[in-house]
Amino acid sequence: LDLLERLAPTGGGALFLEPADKRSSQGLSRLRDQLLESGELLVPAAGATPFWGPCLHAGACPLAMGRDWCHFSVPAEIPGKWFKAFSRKLGSERQWLKFSYLWLSAPRIPVPTLDASIRRVISDPLREGQHNAVLLCEPERPQKYVLPGRMLLHRGELFDLAGAEEAAEQEFHRERELTLPKPRSKPRPKPRPSDGKLAPDGRPISYGKKSRR
């Protein structure tokens, strides 16, 4: 935190980077929560956070405990014969660099406030019936969210809940229009025999209903 104060005039911050294993990641999450609870890490204003990432809120981390943990990955080509041999031993070439991180902002340079509907994805894609689903980062516990249509999101991406709700409503109405049966036209009644009566032009008269005599 002293480092943050010294970096404040330049708009700096502190980035903690750890391997993507469960113990290291949950250690960062607990450090984050402890700094908030102790008051050493001040929340700038309502709706704002003292984090550049991965957190978008100042509530308790939902993955500080439990079977899952907060980690991410980026595609990478890692050079060296040792790493290629290591990958072959594991049965496949490793092309992703996995990590956990916590990026604190300087106290005097707060993070810009995002829309309240923005969430970070903290899981790989999940299947929920015929749709994809993801876990979203919320205070205390993650939220499982079923994505509309064929939408696909990946761990670490930012997701706009408000925009998704609107897209889901449009998709619902579109599918409803496709599945609703088209109205059938009412069949025209067959002409009834004319009983021998003729029109002035000499053609037989047909009746859709019984004629009144």
Protein backbone atom coordinates (compact mmCIF):
# COMPACT_ATOMS: atom_id res chain seq x y z
CA LEU A 1 0.00 0.00 0.00
CA ASP A 2 2.98 2.33 0.59
CA LEU A 3 4.02 1.51 -2.96
CA LEU A 4 0.57 2.56 -4.21
CA GLU A 5 0.93 5.91 -2.47
CA ARG A 6 4.33 6.50 -4.09
CA LEU A 7 2.93 5.61 -7.52
CA ALA A 8 -0.22 7.69 -7.10
CA PRO A 9 1.08 10.92 -8.75
CA THR A 10 1.88 8.98 -11.94
CA GLY A 11 -1.39 7.04 -11.93
CA GLY A 12 0.32 3.74 -11.19
CA GLY A 13 -0.89 0.68 -9.35
CA ALA A 14 0.31 -2.69 -8.06
CA LEU A 15 -0.06 -5.91 -10.07
CA PHE A 16 0.18 -9.25 -8.25
CA LEU A 17 0.67 -12.19 -10.64
CA GLU A 18 0.55 -15.82 -9.55
CA PRO A 19 0.27 -19.28 -11.18
CA ALA A 20 -3.24 -20.50 -11.98
CA ASP A 21 -3.26 -23.18 -9.29
CA LYS A 22 -6.04 -23.17 -6.71
CA ARG A 23 -3.91 -22.36 -3.65
CA SER A 24 -2.17 -19.33 -5.20
CA SER A 25 -5.36 -17.96 -6.72
CA GLN A 26 -7.46 -18.24 -3.56
CA GLY A 27 -4.59 -16.69 -1.61
CA LEU A 28 -4.85 -13.58 -3.81
CA SER A 29 -8.63 -13.54 -3.37
CA ARG A 30 -8.32 -13.69 0.42
CA LEU A 31 -5.65 -10.95 0.39
CA ARG A 32 -8.07 -8.78 -1.59
CA ASP A 33 -10.89 -9.37 0.90
CA GLN A 34 -8.62 -8.70 3.89
CA LEU A 35 -7.46 -5.37 2.45
CA LEU A 36 -11.08 -4.31 1.95
CA GLU A 37 -12.24 -5.48 5.39
CA SER A 38 -9.33 -3.79 7.19
CA GLY A 39 -10.08 -0.44 5.56
CA GLU A 40 -6.52 -0.18 4.22
CA LEU A 41 -7.87 -0.35 0.68
CA LEU A 42 -10.47 2.39 0.37
CA VAL A 43 -13.41 2.20 -2.03
CA PRO A 44 -13.36 5.53 -3.93
CA ALA A 45 -17.14 6.02 -4.26
CA ALA A 46 -20.42 4.16 -4.47
CA GLY A 47 -20.33 1.76 -7.41
CA ALA A 48 -16.57 2.20 -7.91
CA THR A 49 -13.79 -0.26 -7.09
CA PRO A 50 -10.10 0.07 -6.15
CA PHE A 51 -9.25 -2.70 -8.66
CA TRP A 52 -8.27 -2.59 -12.31
CA GLY A 53 -8.95 -6.30 -12.40
CA PRO A 54 -10.15 -8.90 -12.35
CA CYS A 55 -12.83 -7.63 -9.93
CA LEU A 56 -15.58 -5.27 -11.05
CA HIS A 57 -17.11 -4.88 -7.57
CA ALA A 58 -15.93 -4.16 -4.02
CA GLY A 59 -17.89 -6.99 -2.39
CA ALA A 60 -16.50 -10.28 -1.10
CA CYS A 61 -14.79 -12.47 -3.70
CA PRO A 62 -17.09 -15.39 -4.64
CA LEU A 63 -14.13 -17.71 -5.35
CA ALA A 64 -11.94 -17.09 -2.28
CA MET A 65 -13.15 -20.45 -0.93
CA GLY A 66 -14.64 -23.58 -2.45
CA ARG A 67 -13.81 -25.91 -5.31
CA ASP A 68 -13.36 -23.29 -8.04
CA TRP A 69 -10.91 -20.40 -8.17
CA CYS A 70 -10.34 -17.21 -10.17
CA HIS A 71 -7.86 -17.78 -12.99
CA PHE A 72 -7.47 -16.87 -16.65
CA SER A 73 -5.45 -17.80 -19.72
CA VAL A 74 -4.03 -16.23 -22.87
CA PRO A 75 -2.73 -17.95 -26.03
CA ALA A 76 1.05 -18.10 -26.06
CA GLU A 77 3.94 -19.73 -27.91
CA ILE A 78 6.48 -20.71 -25.29
CA PRO A 79 9.97 -21.32 -26.78
CA GLY A 80 12.52 -23.86 -25.65
CA LYS A 81 13.17 -27.58 -26.10
CA TRP A 82 12.49 -28.30 -22.44
CA PHE A 83 8.94 -26.96 -22.62
CA LYS A 84 8.17 -28.88 -25.83
CA ALA A 85 9.43 -32.09 -24.21
CA PHE A 86 7.38 -31.31 -21.09
CA SER A 87 4.25 -30.82 -23.24
CA ARG A 88 4.79 -34.12 -25.05
CA LYS A 89 5.06 -35.90 -21.69
CA LEU A 90 1.65 -34.47 -20.77
CA GLY A 91 0.22 -35.78 -24.02
CA SER A 92 -0.43 -32.48 -25.84
CA GLU A 93 1.37 -29.28 -26.68
CA ARG A 94 0.54 -26.48 -24.26
CA GLN A 95 -0.45 -23.31 -26.15
CA TRP A 96 -2.03 -21.34 -23.32
CA LEU A 97 -0.45 -19.39 -20.50
CA LYS A 98 -2.61 -19.65 -17.36
CA PHE A 99 -2.39 -17.28 -14.42
CA SER A 100 -4.16 -15.57 -11.51
CA TYR A 101 -3.82 -11.86 -10.83
CA LEU A 102 -4.89 -8.94 -8.68
CA TRP A 103 -4.38 -5.40 -9.97
CA LEU A 104 -4.83 -2.63 -7.39
CA SER A 105 -5.28 0.97 -8.43
CA ALA A 106 -3.51 3.89 -6.78
CA PRO A 107 -5.77 5.49 -4.12
CA ARG A 108 -5.72 8.93 -5.77
CA ILE A 109 -6.33 7.57 -9.29
CA PRO A 110 -9.54 5.51 -9.02
CA VAL A 111 -10.66 3.06 -11.67
CA PRO A 112 -13.31 4.46 -14.06
CA THR A 113 -16.77 3.30 -13.05
CA LEU A 114 -18.38 0.80 -15.45
CA ASP A 115 -22.10 0.39 -16.08
CA ALA A 116 -23.79 -1.52 -13.27
CA SER A 117 -24.88 -4.21 -15.75
CA ILE A 118 -21.31 -5.24 -16.70
CA ARG A 119 -20.05 -8.58 -15.30
CA ARG A 120 -16.86 -10.63 -15.73
CA VAL A 121 -17.10 -14.26 -16.83
CA ILE A 122 -15.28 -16.54 -14.35
CA SER A 123 -15.87 -19.97 -15.90
CA ASP A 124 -15.38 -21.90 -19.09
CA PRO A 125 -18.53 -22.38 -21.21
CA LEU A 126 -21.11 -24.68 -19.60
CA ARG A 127 -24.04 -26.53 -21.15
CA GLU A 128 -27.57 -25.86 -19.92
CA GLY A 129 -30.04 -27.81 -22.05
CA GLN A 130 -29.76 -26.53 -25.61
CA HIS A 131 -28.01 -23.31 -24.56
CA ASN A 132 -24.58 -22.25 -23.33
CA ALA A 133 -24.15 -20.91 -19.81
CA VAL A 134 -21.38 -19.23 -17.79
CA LEU A 135 -20.63 -18.20 -14.23
CA LEU A 136 -20.55 -14.45 -13.64
CA CYS A 137 -18.63 -12.73 -10.85
CA GLU A 138 -20.97 -11.39 -8.16
CA PRO A 139 -20.30 -10.54 -4.49
CA GLU A 140 -20.36 -13.57 -2.13
CA ARG A 141 -21.24 -16.21 -4.76
CA PRO A 142 -21.05 -16.56 -8.55
CA GLN A 143 -24.19 -16.29 -10.66
CA LYS A 144 -24.97 -18.93 -13.27
CA TYR A 145 -26.34 -17.26 -16.39
CA VAL A 146 -27.90 -19.03 -19.39
CA LEU A 147 -26.90 -17.22 -22.57
CA PRO A 148 -29.51 -16.33 -25.19
CA GLY A 149 -29.52 -18.07 -28.56
CA ARG A 150 -26.17 -19.42 -29.68
CA MET A 151 -24.10 -16.88 -27.77
CA LEU A 152 -20.76 -18.19 -26.49
CA LEU A 153 -18.57 -16.48 -23.87
CA HIS A 154 -15.18 -17.46 -22.44
CA ARG A 155 -13.46 -17.06 -19.09
CA GLY A 156 -12.26 -13.49 -18.47
CA GLU A 157 -14.57 -11.73 -20.94
CA LEU A 158 -16.78 -8.81 -19.91
CA PHE A 159 -20.51 -9.29 -20.41
CA ASP A 160 -23.34 -6.74 -20.46
CA LEU A 161 -26.40 -8.18 -18.71
CA ALA A 162 -28.70 -5.40 -19.92
CA GLY A 163 -27.77 -5.94 -23.56
CA ALA A 164 -28.18 -9.70 -23.18
CA GLU A 165 -31.68 -9.36 -21.73
CA GLU A 166 -32.73 -7.24 -24.70
CA ALA A 167 -31.19 -9.74 -27.14
CA ALA A 168 -32.94 -12.62 -25.35
CA GLU A 169 -36.31 -10.88 -25.65
CA GLN A 170 -35.78 -10.29 -29.37
CA GLU A 171 -34.73 -13.94 -29.82
CA PHE A 172 -37.84 -15.11 -27.94
CA HIS A 173 -40.19 -13.12 -30.17
CA ARG A 174 -38.35 -14.26 -33.31
CA GLU A 175 -38.59 -17.93 -32.33
CA ARG A 176 -42.24 -17.49 -31.34
CA GLU A 177 -43.06 -16.09 -34.76
CA LEU A 178 -41.36 -19.07 -36.40
CA THR A 179 -43.16 -21.67 -34.26
CA LEU A 180 -46.69 -20.22 -34.13
CA PRO A 181 -49.01 -21.89 -36.67
CA LYS A 182 -50.15 -19.60 -39.44
CA PRO A 183 -53.88 -18.78 -39.36
CA ARG A 184 -55.86 -20.93 -41.76
CA SER A 185 -58.18 -19.29 -44.20
CA LYS A 186 -61.83 -20.16 -43.68
CA PRO A 187 -62.97 -22.59 -46.38
CA ARG A 188 -65.52 -21.17 -48.76
CA PRO A 189 -68.87 -22.95 -48.64
CA LYS A 190 -69.64 -25.20 -51.55
CA PRO A 191 -72.43 -23.96 -53.79
CA ARG A 192 -75.78 -25.65 -53.27
CA PRO A 193 -77.93 -26.77 -56.10
CA SER A 194 -80.07 -24.04 -57.61
CA ASP A 195 -83.34 -26.01 -57.55
CA GLY A 196 -83.79 -25.12 -61.17
CA LYS A 197 -84.04 -21.36 -60.62
CA LEU A 198 -82.33 -19.17 -63.21
CA ALA A 199 -80.85 -15.70 -63.03
CA PRO A 200 -81.95 -13.02 -65.51
CA ASP A 201 -78.94 -13.91 -67.69
CA GLY A 202 -80.08 -17.52 -67.85
CA ARG A 203 -77.41 -19.03 -65.50
CA PRO A 204 -78.44 -21.34 -62.61
CA ILE A 205 -78.56 -19.63 -59.17
CA SER A 206 -76.37 -21.19 -56.43
CA TYR A 207 -76.80 -20.51 -52.69
CA GLY A 208 -74.21 -20.72 -49.92
CA LYS A 209 -77.08 -20.81 -47.44
CA LYS A 210 -80.58 -22.09 -47.67
CA SER A 211 -82.70 -19.61 -49.54
CA ARG A 212 -85.69 -18.11 -47.87
CA ARG A 213 -88.87 -18.84 -49.62
